[in-house]
PDB file of N, CA and C in Angstrom:
ATOM      1  N   MET A   1     -34.951 -54.850   1.395  1.00  0.00           N
ATOM      2  CA  MET A   1     -33.625 -53.745   0.999  1.00  0.00           C
ATOM      3  C   MET A   1     -33.010 -54.343  -0.442  1.00  0.00           C
ATOM      4  N   PHE A   2     -32.734 -55.500  -0.503  1.00  0.00           N
ATOM      5  CA  PHE A   2     -32.288 -56.178  -1.715  1.00  0.00           C
ATOM      6  C   PHE A   2     -33.218 -55.926  -2.769  1.00  0.00           C
ATOM      7  N   ALA A   3     -34.557 -56.082  -2.728  1.00  0.00           N
ATOM      8  CA  ALA A   3     -35.424 -55.719  -3.728  1.00  0.00           C
ATOM      9  C   ALA A   3     -35.343 -54.348  -4.278  1.00  0.00           C
ATOM     10  N   ALA A   4     -35.235 -53.173  -3.398  1.00  0.00           N
ATOM     11  CA  ALA A   4     -35.316 -51.923  -3.758  1.00  0.00           C
ATOM     12  C   ALA A   4     -33.990 -51.680  -4.617  1.00  0.00           C
ATOM     13  N   LEU A   5     -32.767 -52.215  -4.085  1.00  0.00           N
ATOM     14  CA  LEU A   5     -31.524 -52.271  -4.740  1.00  0.00           C
ATOM     15  C   LEU A   5     -31.730 -52.793  -6.260  1.00  0.00           C
ATOM     16  N   ALA A   6     -32.260 -53.915  -6.244  1.00  0.00           N
ATOM     17  CA  ALA A   6     -32.543 -54.537  -7.610  1.00  0.00           C
ATOM     18  C   ALA A   6     -33.069 -53.701  -8.553  1.00  0.00           C
ATOM     19  N   ILE A   7     -34.299 -53.115  -8.007  1.00  0.00           N
ATOM     20  CA  ILE A   7     -34.982 -52.332  -9.046  1.00  0.00           C
ATOM     21  C   ILE A   7     -34.121 -51.006  -9.293  1.00  0.00           C
ATOM     22  N   ARG A   8     -33.562 -50.430  -8.424  1.00  0.00           N
ATOM     23  CA  ARG A   8     -32.665 -49.219  -8.973  1.00  0.00           C
ATOM     24  C   ARG A   8     -31.532 -49.472  -9.996  1.00  0.00           C
ATOM     25  N   TYR A   9     -31.030 -50.852 -10.023  1.00  0.00           N
ATOM     26  CA  TYR A   9     -30.002 -51.074 -10.773  1.00  0.00           C
ATOM     27  C   TYR A   9     -30.594 -51.484 -12.018  1.00  0.00           C
ATOM     28  N   ALA A  10     -31.881 -52.019 -11.888  1.00  0.00           N
ATOM     29  CA  ALA A  10     -32.586 -52.345 -13.197  1.00  0.00           C
ATOM     30  C   ALA A  10     -33.006 -50.911 -13.899  1.00  0.00           C
ATOM     31  N   ALA A  11     -33.429 -50.091 -13.053  1.00  0.00           N
ATOM     32  CA  ALA A  11     -33.650 -48.791 -13.672  1.00  0.00           C
ATOM     33  C   ALA A  11     -32.314 -48.019 -14.303  1.00  0.00           C
ATOM     34  N   MET A  12     -31.251 -48.288 -13.776  1.00  0.00           N
ATOM     35  CA  MET A  12     -30.084 -47.812 -14.372  1.00  0.00           C
ATOM     36  C   MET A  12     -29.612 -48.449 -15.719  1.00  0.00           C
ATOM     37  N   GLN A  13     -29.889 -49.754 -15.767  1.00  0.00           N
ATOM     38  CA  GLN A  13     -29.575 -50.333 -16.979  1.00  0.00           C
ATOM     39  C   GLN A  13     -30.639 -50.078 -18.080  1.00  0.00           C
ATOM     40  N   HIS A  14     -31.698 -49.883 -17.904  1.00  0.00           N
ATOM     41  CA  HIS A  14     -32.906 -49.401 -18.695  1.00  0.00           C
ATOM     42  C   HIS A  14     -32.629 -47.965 -19.425  1.00  0.00           C
ATOM     43  N   TYR A  15     -32.168 -47.088 -18.428  1.00  0.00           N
ATOM     44  CA  TYR A  15     -32.137 -45.766 -18.575  1.00  0.00           C
ATOM     45  C   TYR A  15     -30.660 -45.110 -19.079  1.00  0.00           C
ATOM     46  N   GLY A  16     -29.634 -46.259 -19.197  1.00  0.00           N
ATOM     47  CA  GLY A  16     -28.459 -45.759 -19.167  1.00  0.00           C
ATOM     48  C   GLY A  16     -27.966 -45.288 -17.744  1.00  0.00           C
ATOM     49  N   MET A  17     -27.609 -43.987 -17.680  1.00  0.00           N
ATOM     50  CA  MET A  17     -26.934 -43.106 -16.583  1.00  0.00           C
ATOM     51  C   MET A  17     -28.046 -42.335 -15.761  1.00  0.00           C
ATOM     52  N   THR A  18     -29.367 -42.829 -15.655  1.00  0.00           N
ATOM     53  CA  THR A  18     -30.073 -42.400 -14.639  1.00  0.00           C
ATOM     54  C   THR A  18     -29.867 -43.024 -13.330  1.00  0.00           C
ATOM     55  N   LEU A  19     -29.544 -42.069 -12.361  1.00  0.00           N
ATOM     56  CA  LEU A  19     -29.166 -42.701 -10.926  1.00  0.00           C
ATOM     57  C   LEU A  19     -30.004 -41.963  -9.956  1.00  0.00           C
ATOM     58  N   THR A  20     -30.280 -42.352  -8.919  1.00  0.00           N
ATOM     59  CA  THR A  20     -30.766 -41.982  -7.699  1.00  0.00           C
ATOM     60  C   THR A  20     -29.488 -41.844  -6.590  1.00  0.00           C
ATOM     61  N   LEU A  21     -29.085 -40.788  -6.158  1.00  0.00           N
ATOM     62  CA  LEU A  21     -28.021 -40.772  -5.307  1.00  0.00           C
ATOM     63  C   LEU A  21     -28.517 -39.997  -4.029  1.00  0.00           C
ATOM     64  N   PRO A  22     -28.065 -40.620  -2.664  1.00  0.00           N
ATOM     65  CA  PRO A  22     -28.354 -39.674  -1.553  1.00  0.00           C
ATOM     66  C   PRO A  22     -27.572 -38.425  -1.408  1.00  0.00           C
ATOM     67  N   VAL A  23     -27.939 -37.427  -0.782  1.00  0.00           N
ATOM     68  CA  VAL A  23     -27.203 -36.370  -0.570  1.00  0.00           C
ATOM     69  C   VAL A  23     -27.168 -36.207   0.856  1.00  0.00           C
ATOM     70  N   SER A  24     -25.852 -35.888   1.359  1.00  0.00           N
ATOM     71  CA  SER A  24     -25.608 -36.146   2.742  1.00  0.00           C
ATOM     72  C   SER A  24     -26.028 -34.594   3.347  1.00  0.00           C
ATOM     73  N   LYS A  25     -26.182 -34.620   4.679  1.00  0.00           N
ATOM     74  CA  LYS A  25     -26.457 -33.246   5.112  1.00  0.00           C
ATOM     75  C   LYS A  25     -25.704 -32.126   4.830  1.00  0.00           C
ATOM     76  N   ARG A  26     -24.423 -32.323   4.463  1.00  0.00           N
ATOM     77  CA  ARG A  26     -23.619 -31.224   4.128  1.00  0.00           C
ATOM     78  C   ARG A  26     -23.674 -31.073   2.694  1.00  0.00           C
ATOM     79  N   GLY A  27     -24.495 -31.882   1.956  1.00  0.00           N
ATOM     80  CA  GLY A  27     -24.746 -31.550   0.420  1.00  0.00           C
ATOM     81  C   GLY A  27     -23.629 -32.443  -0.331  1.00  0.00           C
ATOM     82  N   GLY A  28     -23.033 -33.442  -0.021  1.00  0.00           N
ATOM     83  CA  GLY A  28     -22.215 -34.158  -0.639  1.00  0.00           C
ATOM     84  C   GLY A  28     -22.997 -35.379  -1.215  1.00  0.00           C
ATOM     85  N   LEU A  29     -22.227 -35.692  -2.421  1.00  0.00           N
ATOM     86  CA  LEU A  29     -22.825 -36.778  -3.370  1.00  0.00           C
ATOM     87  C   LEU A  29     -21.486 -37.773  -3.509  1.00  0.00           C
ATOM     88  N   THR A  30     -21.945 -39.167  -3.491  1.00  0.00           N
ATOM     89  CA  THR A  30     -20.880 -40.057  -3.880  1.00  0.00           C
ATOM     90  C   THR A  30     -21.237 -40.861  -5.312  1.00  0.00           C
ATOM     91  N   LEU A  31     -20.253 -40.493  -6.305  1.00  0.00           N
ATOM     92  CA  LEU A  31     -20.569 -41.049  -7.518  1.00  0.00           C
ATOM     93  C   LEU A  31     -20.281 -42.744  -7.476  1.00  0.00           C
ATOM     94  N   PRO A  32     -21.006 -43.334  -8.069  1.00  0.00           N
ATOM     95  CA  PRO A  32     -20.600 -44.891  -8.043  1.00  0.00           C
ATOM     96  C   PRO A  32     -19.373 -45.093  -8.821  1.00  0.00           C
ATOM     97  N   PRO A  33     -18.608 -46.331  -8.288  1.00  0.00           N
ATOM     98  CA  PRO A  33     -17.429 -46.589  -9.124  1.00  0.00           C
ATOM     99  C   PRO A  33     -17.488 -46.634 -10.628  1.00  0.00           C
ATOM    100  N   ALA A  34     -18.630 -47.311 -11.139  1.00  0.00           N
ATOM    101  CA  ALA A  34     -18.712 -47.308 -12.599  1.00  0.00           C
ATOM    102  C   ALA A  34     -18.769 -46.157 -13.268  1.00  0.00           C
ATOM    103  N   LEU A  35     -19.392 -45.234 -12.621  1.00  0.00           N
ATOM    104  CA  LEU A  35     -19.692 -43.970 -13.314  1.00  0.00           C
ATOM    105  C   LEU A  35     -18.271 -43.012 -13.202  1.00  0.00           C
ATOM    106  N   ARG A  36     -17.742 -43.177 -12.170  1.00  0.00           N
ATOM    107  CA  ARG A  36     -16.476 -42.586 -12.019  1.00  0.00           C
ATOM    108  C   ARG A  36     -15.451 -43.192 -12.997  1.00  0.00           C
ATOM    109  N   ARG A  37     -15.588 -44.418 -13.298  1.00  0.00           N
ATOM    110  CA  ARG A  37     -14.515 -44.990 -14.288  1.00  0.00           C
ATOM    111  C   ARG A  37     -14.986 -44.415 -15.672  1.00  0.00           C
ATOM    112  N   LYS A  38     -16.380 -44.408 -15.916  1.00  0.00           N
ATOM    113  CA  LYS A  38     -16.898 -44.003 -17.127  1.00  0.00           C
ATOM    114  C   LYS A  38     -16.370 -42.718 -17.611  1.00  0.00           C
ATOM    115  N   LEU A  39     -16.472 -41.701 -16.622  1.00  0.00           N
ATOM    116  CA  LEU A  39     -15.875 -40.350 -16.684  1.00  0.00           C
ATOM    117  C   LEU A  39     -14.434 -40.128 -16.731  1.00  0.00           C
ATOM    118  N   GLY A  40     -13.823 -41.137 -16.122  1.00  0.00           N
ATOM    119  CA  GLY A  40     -12.143 -41.049 -16.190  1.00  0.00           C
ATOM    120  C   GLY A  40     -11.712 -40.296 -14.977  1.00  0.00           C
ATOM    121  N   LEU A  41     -12.802 -40.179 -14.007  1.00  0.00           N
ATOM    122  CA  LEU A  41     -12.333 -39.510 -12.456  1.00  0.00           C
ATOM    123  C   LEU A  41     -11.657 -40.538 -11.830  1.00  0.00           C
ATOM    124  N   ASP A  42     -11.633 -41.803 -11.916  1.00  0.00           N
ATOM    125  CA  ASP A  42     -10.767 -42.543 -11.322  1.00  0.00           C
ATOM    126  C   ASP A  42      -9.240 -42.576 -11.503  1.00  0.00           C
ATOM    127  N   ARG A  43      -8.934 -42.181 -12.490  1.00  0.00           N
ATOM    128  CA  ARG A  43      -7.513 -41.976 -13.183  1.00  0.00           C
ATOM    129  C   ARG A  43      -6.937 -40.606 -12.433  1.00  0.00           C
ATOM    130  N   ILE A  44      -7.702 -39.850 -11.900  1.00  0.00           N
ATOM    131  CA  ILE A  44      -7.290 -38.581 -11.451  1.00  0.00           C
ATOM    132  C   ILE A  44      -6.990 -38.306 -10.168  1.00  0.00           C
ATOM    133  N   ASP A  45      -5.872 -37.929  -9.403  1.00  0.00           N
ATOM    134  CA  ASP A  45      -5.421 -37.766  -8.056  1.00  0.00           C
ATOM    135  C   ASP A  45      -6.732 -37.128  -7.245  1.00  0.00           C
ATOM    136  N   SER A  46      -7.025 -35.829  -7.838  1.00  0.00           N
ATOM    137  CA  SER A  46      -7.956 -34.902  -7.145  1.00  0.00           C
ATOM    138  C   SER A  46      -8.985 -34.409  -8.169  1.00  0.00           C
ATOM    139  N   PRO A  47      -9.988 -35.438  -8.585  1.00  0.00           N
ATOM    140  CA  PRO A  47     -10.974 -35.212  -9.583  1.00  0.00           C
ATOM    141  C   PRO A  47     -11.903 -34.095  -9.421  1.00  0.00           C
ATOM    142  N   LEU A  48     -12.335 -33.176 -10.249  1.00  0.00           N
ATOM    143  CA  LEU A  48     -13.035 -32.108 -10.194  1.00  0.00           C
ATOM    144  C   LEU A  48     -14.281 -32.362 -10.955  1.00  0.00           C
ATOM    145  N   VAL A  49     -15.462 -31.994 -10.460  1.00  0.00           N
ATOM    146  CA  VAL A  49     -16.799 -31.867 -11.459  1.00  0.00           C
ATOM    147  C   VAL A  49     -17.430 -30.370 -11.365  1.00  0.00           C
ATOM    148  N   ILE A  50     -17.611 -30.139 -12.586  1.00  0.00           N
ATOM    149  CA  ILE A  50     -18.400 -28.761 -12.902  1.00  0.00           C
ATOM    150  C   ILE A  50     -19.780 -29.080 -12.722  1.00  0.00           C
ATOM    151  N   VAL A  51     -20.627 -28.390 -11.956  1.00  0.00           N
ATOM    152  CA  VAL A  51     -22.010 -28.583 -11.809  1.00  0.00           C
ATOM    153  C   VAL A  51     -22.670 -27.349 -12.363  1.00  0.00           C
ATOM    154  N   GLU A  52     -23.589 -27.423 -13.155  1.00  0.00           N
ATOM    155  CA  GLU A  52     -24.378 -26.303 -13.742  1.00  0.00           C
ATOM    156  C   GLU A  52     -25.866 -26.868 -13.483  1.00  0.00           C
ATOM    157  N   GLU A  53     -26.620 -25.234 -13.291  1.00  0.00           N
ATOM    158  CA  GLU A  53     -28.065 -25.669 -13.117  1.00  0.00           C
ATOM    159  C   GLU A  53     -28.695 -25.370 -14.387  1.00  0.00           C
ATOM    160  N   ARG A  54     -29.375 -26.312 -14.972  1.00  0.00           N
ATOM    161  CA  ARG A  54     -30.069 -26.238 -16.284  1.00  0.00           C
ATOM    162  C   ARG A  54     -31.469 -26.804 -16.054  1.00  0.00           C
ATOM    163  N   ASP A  55     -32.278 -26.028 -16.749  1.00  0.00           N
ATOM    164  CA  ASP A  55     -33.763 -26.349 -16.684  1.00  0.00           C
ATOM    165  C   ASP A  55     -34.369 -27.060 -15.405  1.00  0.00           C
ATOM    166  N   GLY A  56     -34.016 -26.348 -14.375  1.00  0.00           N
ATOM    167  CA  GLY A  56     -34.459 -26.921 -12.945  1.00  0.00           C
ATOM    168  C   GLY A  56     -33.837 -28.165 -12.437  1.00  0.00           C
ATOM    169  N   GLY A  57     -32.626 -28.453 -13.094  1.00  0.00           N
ATOM    170  CA  GLY A  57     -31.886 -29.558 -12.708  1.00  0.00           C
ATOM    171  C   GLY A  57     -30.269 -29.349 -12.428  1.00  0.00           C
ATOM    172  N   LEU A  58     -29.743 -30.578 -12.394  1.00  0.00           N
ATOM    173  CA  LEU A  58     -28.067 -30.340 -12.390  1.00  0.00           C
ATOM    174  C   LEU A  58     -27.607 -30.846 -13.560  1.00  0.00           C
ATOM    175  N   PHE A  59     -26.537 -30.494 -14.233  1.00  0.00           N
ATOM    176  CA  PHE A  59     -25.650 -31.025 -15.005  1.00  0.00           C
ATOM    177  C   PHE A  59     -24.232 -30.977 -14.633  1.00  0.00           C
ATOM    178  N   LEU A  60     -23.692 -32.309 -14.468  1.00  0.00           N
ATOM    179  CA  LEU A  60     -22.478 -32.384 -14.056  1.00  0.00           C
ATOM    180  C   LEU A  60     -21.455 -33.023 -15.244  1.00  0.00           C
ATOM    181  N   GLN A  61     -20.281 -32.427 -15.094  1.00  0.00           N
ATOM    182  CA  GLN A  61     -19.259 -32.950 -16.173  1.00  0.00           C
ATOM    183  C   GLN A  61     -18.145 -32.929 -15.633  1.00  0.00           C
ATOM    184  N   PRO A  62     -17.036 -33.699 -15.975  1.00  0.00           N
ATOM    185  CA  PRO A  62     -15.694 -33.634 -15.439  1.00  0.00           C
ATOM    186  C   PRO A  62     -14.967 -32.466 -15.688  1.00  0.00           C
ATOM    187  N   ALA A  63     -14.012 -32.185 -14.710  1.00  0.00           N
ATOM    188  CA  ALA A  63     -13.283 -30.752 -15.118  1.00  0.00           C
ATOM    189  C   ALA A  63     -11.804 -31.357 -14.655  1.00  0.00           C
ATOM    190  N   ALA A  64     -10.840 -30.350 -15.186  1.00  0.00           N
ATOM    191  CA  ALA A  64      -9.613 -30.553 -14.877  1.00  0.00           C
ATOM    192  C   ALA A  64      -8.880 -29.272 -14.476  1.00  0.00           C
ATOM    193  N   ALA A  65      -8.332 -29.141 -13.400  1.00  0.00           N
ATOM    194  CA  ALA A  65      -7.450 -28.063 -12.964  1.00  0.00           C
ATOM    195  C   ALA A  65      -6.153 -28.020 -13.688  1.00  0.00           C
ATOM    196  N   VAL A  66      -5.833 -26.982 -14.362  1.00  0.00           N
ATOM    197  CA  VAL A  66      -4.481 -26.779 -15.125  1.00  0.00           C
ATOM    198  C   VAL A  66      -3.980 -25.388 -14.588  1.00  0.00           C
ATOM    199  N   PRO A  67      -2.702 -25.661 -14.331  1.00  0.00           N
ATOM    200  CA  PRO A  67      -1.864 -24.470 -14.115  1.00  0.00           C
ATOM    201  C   PRO A  67      -1.990 -23.526 -15.317  1.00  0.00           C
ATOM    202  N   VAL A  68      -1.963 -22.187 -14.905  1.00  0.00           N
ATOM    203  CA  VAL A  68      -2.178 -21.311 -16.114  1.00  0.00           C
ATOM    204  C   VAL A  68      -0.781 -21.373 -16.943  1.00  0.00           C
ATOM    205  N   ARG A  69       0.233 -21.636 -16.341  1.00  0.00           N
ATOM    206  CA  ARG A  69       1.767 -21.800 -17.025  1.00  0.00           C
ATOM    207  C   ARG A  69       1.518 -22.772 -18.150  1.00  0.00           C
ATOM    208  N   ASP A  70       0.673 -23.751 -17.962  1.00  0.00           N
ATOM    209  CA  ASP A  70       0.567 -24.873 -18.724  1.00  0.00           C
ATOM    210  C   ASP A  70      -0.677 -24.595 -19.965  1.00  0.00           C
ATOM    211  N   ILE A  71      -1.019 -23.495 -20.005  1.00  0.00           N
ATOM    212  CA  ILE A  71      -2.148 -23.079 -20.935  1.00  0.00           C
ATOM    213  C   ILE A  71      -1.365 -22.398 -21.996  1.00  0.00           C
ATOM    214  N   PRO A  72      -1.501 -22.731 -23.389  1.00  0.00           N
ATOM    215  CA  PRO A  72      -0.878 -21.880 -24.582  1.00  0.00           C
ATOM    216  C   PRO A  72      -1.233 -20.498 -24.417  1.00  0.00           C
ATOM    217  N   ARG A  73      -0.227 -19.606 -24.628  1.00  0.00           N
ATOM    218  CA  ARG A  73      -0.570 -18.295 -24.633  1.00  0.00           C
ATOM    219  C   ARG A  73      -1.664 -17.781 -25.653  1.00  0.00           C
ATOM    220  N   GLU A  74      -1.426 -18.330 -26.838  1.00  0.00           N
ATOM    221  CA  GLU A  74      -2.516 -18.024 -27.574  1.00  0.00           C
ATOM    222  C   GLU A  74      -4.004 -18.327 -27.178  1.00  0.00           C
ATOM    223  N   LYS A  75      -4.277 -19.367 -26.558  1.00  0.00           N
ATOM    224  CA  LYS A  75      -5.502 -19.723 -25.957  1.00  0.00           C
ATOM    225  C   LYS A  75      -5.769 -18.928 -24.965  1.00  0.00           C
ATOM    226  N   LEU A  76      -4.997 -18.123 -24.014  1.00  0.00           N
ATOM    227  CA  LEU A  76      -5.131 -17.253 -23.141  1.00  0.00           C
ATOM    228  C   LEU A  76      -5.457 -15.915 -23.753  1.00  0.00           C
ATOM    229  N   ALA A  77      -4.830 -15.493 -24.627  1.00  0.00           N
ATOM    230  CA  ALA A  77      -5.334 -14.284 -25.506  1.00  0.00           C
ATOM    231  C   ALA A  77      -6.607 -14.495 -25.989  1.00  0.00           C
ATOM    232  N   ARG A  78      -7.014 -15.719 -26.713  1.00  0.00           N
ATOM    233  CA  ARG A  78      -8.193 -15.816 -27.205  1.00  0.00           C
ATOM    234  C   ARG A  78      -9.607 -15.581 -25.888  1.00  0.00           C
ATOM    235  N   TRP A  79      -9.206 -16.133 -24.904  1.00  0.00           N
ATOM    236  CA  TRP A  79      -9.939 -15.857 -23.718  1.00  0.00           C
ATOM    237  C   TRP A  79     -10.032 -14.455 -23.252  1.00  0.00           C
ATOM    238  N   VAL A  80      -8.901 -13.901 -23.168  1.00  0.00           N
ATOM    239  CA  VAL A  80      -9.065 -12.301 -22.742  1.00  0.00           C
ATOM    240  C   VAL A  80      -9.875 -11.511 -23.788  1.00  0.00           C
ATOM    241  N   ALA A  81      -9.499 -11.749 -24.970  1.00  0.00           N
ATOM    242  CA  ALA A  81     -10.248 -11.168 -26.064  1.00  0.00           C
ATOM    243  C   ALA A  81     -11.880 -11.323 -25.891  1.00  0.00           C
ATOM    244  N   ARG A  82     -12.202 -12.629 -25.715  1.00  0.00           N
ATOM    245  CA  ARG A  82     -13.534 -12.866 -25.644  1.00  0.00           C
ATOM    246  C   ARG A  82     -14.369 -12.237 -24.541  1.00  0.00           C
ATOM    247  N   ASP A  83     -13.479 -12.123 -23.513  1.00  0.00           N
ATOM    248  CA  ASP A  83     -14.192 -11.625 -22.096  1.00  0.00           C
ATOM    249  C   ASP A  83     -14.210 -10.014 -22.358  1.00  0.00           C
ATOM    250  N   LYS A  84     -13.309  -9.230 -22.961  1.00  0.00           N
ATOM    251  CA  LYS A  84     -13.174  -8.133 -23.472  1.00  0.00           C
ATOM    252  C   LYS A  84     -14.433  -7.596 -24.164  1.00  0.00           C
ATOM    253  N   ALA A  85     -14.701  -8.501 -25.309  1.00  0.00           N
ATOM    254  CA  ALA A  85     -15.809  -8.324 -26.128  1.00  0.00           C
ATOM    255  C   ALA A  85     -17.151  -8.464 -25.609  1.00  0.00           C
ATOM    256  N   GLU A  86     -17.114  -9.471 -24.521  1.00  0.00           N
ATOM    257  CA  GLU A  86     -18.488  -9.573 -23.756  1.00  0.00           C
ATOM    258  C   GLU A  86     -18.641  -8.283 -22.768  1.00  0.00           C
ATOM    259  N   MET A  87     -17.709  -7.828 -22.147  1.00  0.00           N
ATOM    260  CA  MET A  87     -17.806  -6.569 -21.444  1.00  0.00           C
ATOM    261  C   MET A  87     -18.145  -5.626 -22.074  1.00  0.00           C
ATOM    262  N   ALA A  88     -17.502  -5.376 -23.245  1.00  0.00           N
ATOM    263  CA  ALA A  88     -17.965  -4.163 -23.954  1.00  0.00           C
ATOM    264  C   ALA A  88     -19.473  -4.104 -24.556  1.00  0.00           C
ATOM    265  N   ALA A  89     -19.808  -5.439 -24.927  1.00  0.00           N
ATOM    266  CA  ALA A  89     -21.286  -5.705 -25.359  1.00  0.00           C
ATOM    267  C   ALA A  89     -22.193  -5.345 -24.128  1.00  0.00           C
ATOM    268  N   PHE A  90     -21.531  -5.640 -22.889  1.00  0.00           N
ATOM    269  CA  PHE A  90     -22.551  -5.551 -21.635  1.00  0.00           C
ATOM    270  C   PHE A  90     -22.706  -4.189 -21.267  1.00  0.00           C
ATOM    271  N   THR A  91     -21.467  -3.489 -21.412  1.00  0.00           N
ATOM    272  CA  THR A  91     -21.548  -1.917 -20.895  1.00  0.00           C
ATOM    273  C   THR A  91     -22.339  -1.174 -22.089  1.00  0.00           C
ATOM    274  N   LEU A  92     -22.679  -1.461 -23.082  1.00  0.00           N
ATOM    275  CA  LEU A  92     -23.338  -0.819 -24.301  1.00  0.00           C
ATOM    276  C   LEU A  92     -25.082  -1.122 -23.932  1.00  0.00           C
ATOM    277  N   THR A  93     -25.241  -2.142 -23.302  1.00  0.00           N
ATOM    278  CA  THR A  93     -26.687  -2.542 -23.249  1.00  0.00           C
ATOM    279  C   THR A  93     -27.377  -1.383 -22.434  1.00  0.00           C
ATOM    280  N   PRO A  94     -28.454  -0.964 -22.802  1.00  0.00           N
ATOM    281  CA  PRO A  94     -29.263   0.190 -21.866  1.00  0.00           C
ATOM    282  C   PRO A  94     -29.438  -0.214 -20.479  1.00  0.00           C
ATOM    283  N   LYS A  95     -29.283   0.603 -19.583  1.00  0.00           N
ATOM    284  CA  LYS A  95     -29.388   0.392 -18.137  1.00  0.00           C
ATOM    285  C   LYS A  95     -31.018   0.609 -17.844  1.00  0.00           C
ATOM    286  N   VAL A  96     -31.407  -0.302 -16.915  1.00  0.00           N
ATOM    287  CA  VAL A  96     -32.856  -0.504 -16.417  1.00  0.00           C
ATOM    288  C   VAL A  96     -32.772   0.268 -15.106  1.00  0.00           C
ATOM    289  N   LYS A  97     -33.618   1.050 -14.913  1.00  0.00           N
ATOM    290  CA  LYS A  97     -33.618   1.582 -13.535  1.00  0.00           C
ATOM    291  C   LYS A  97     -34.863   0.868 -12.799  1.00  0.00           C
ATOM    292  N   LEU A  98     -34.296   0.586 -11.579  1.00  0.00           N
ATOM    293  CA  LEU A  98     -35.419  -0.282 -10.784  1.00  0.00           C
ATOM    294  C   LEU A  98     -36.176   0.657  -9.949  1.00  0.00           C
ATOM    295  N   LYS A  99     -37.523   0.349  -9.796  1.00  0.00           N
ATOM    296  CA  LYS A  99     -38.353   1.179  -8.944  1.00  0.00           C
ATOM    297  C   LYS A  99     -38.062   1.016  -7.659  1.00  0.00           C
ATOM    298  N   LYS A 100     -38.260   1.763  -6.622  1.00  0.00           N
ATOM    299  CA  LYS A 100     -37.632   1.558  -5.312  1.00  0.00           C
ATOM    300  C   LYS A 100     -39.105   1.326  -4.529  1.00  0.00           C
TER     301      LYS A 100
END
């Protein structure tokens, strides 16, 4: 057991942040303390992580929940304008009929 653990940590040192983590039956992951410290997740009461599927893998990055009242109105206006522009572009795309 110790040899396997030593090999895993050697791989972590060689590749930087390459980790092998067990996944619980409910899908939970436990990030090692060193990684939580590096990402600043240890300084937050209820840390969040954004998970994206990319190129057949998962990409994780730290996230923060911020009350809407704390976001500047200008930033909210930019987000709304961007969403409206994306929706307008989407509605202009030709619709494809699916064969039944």
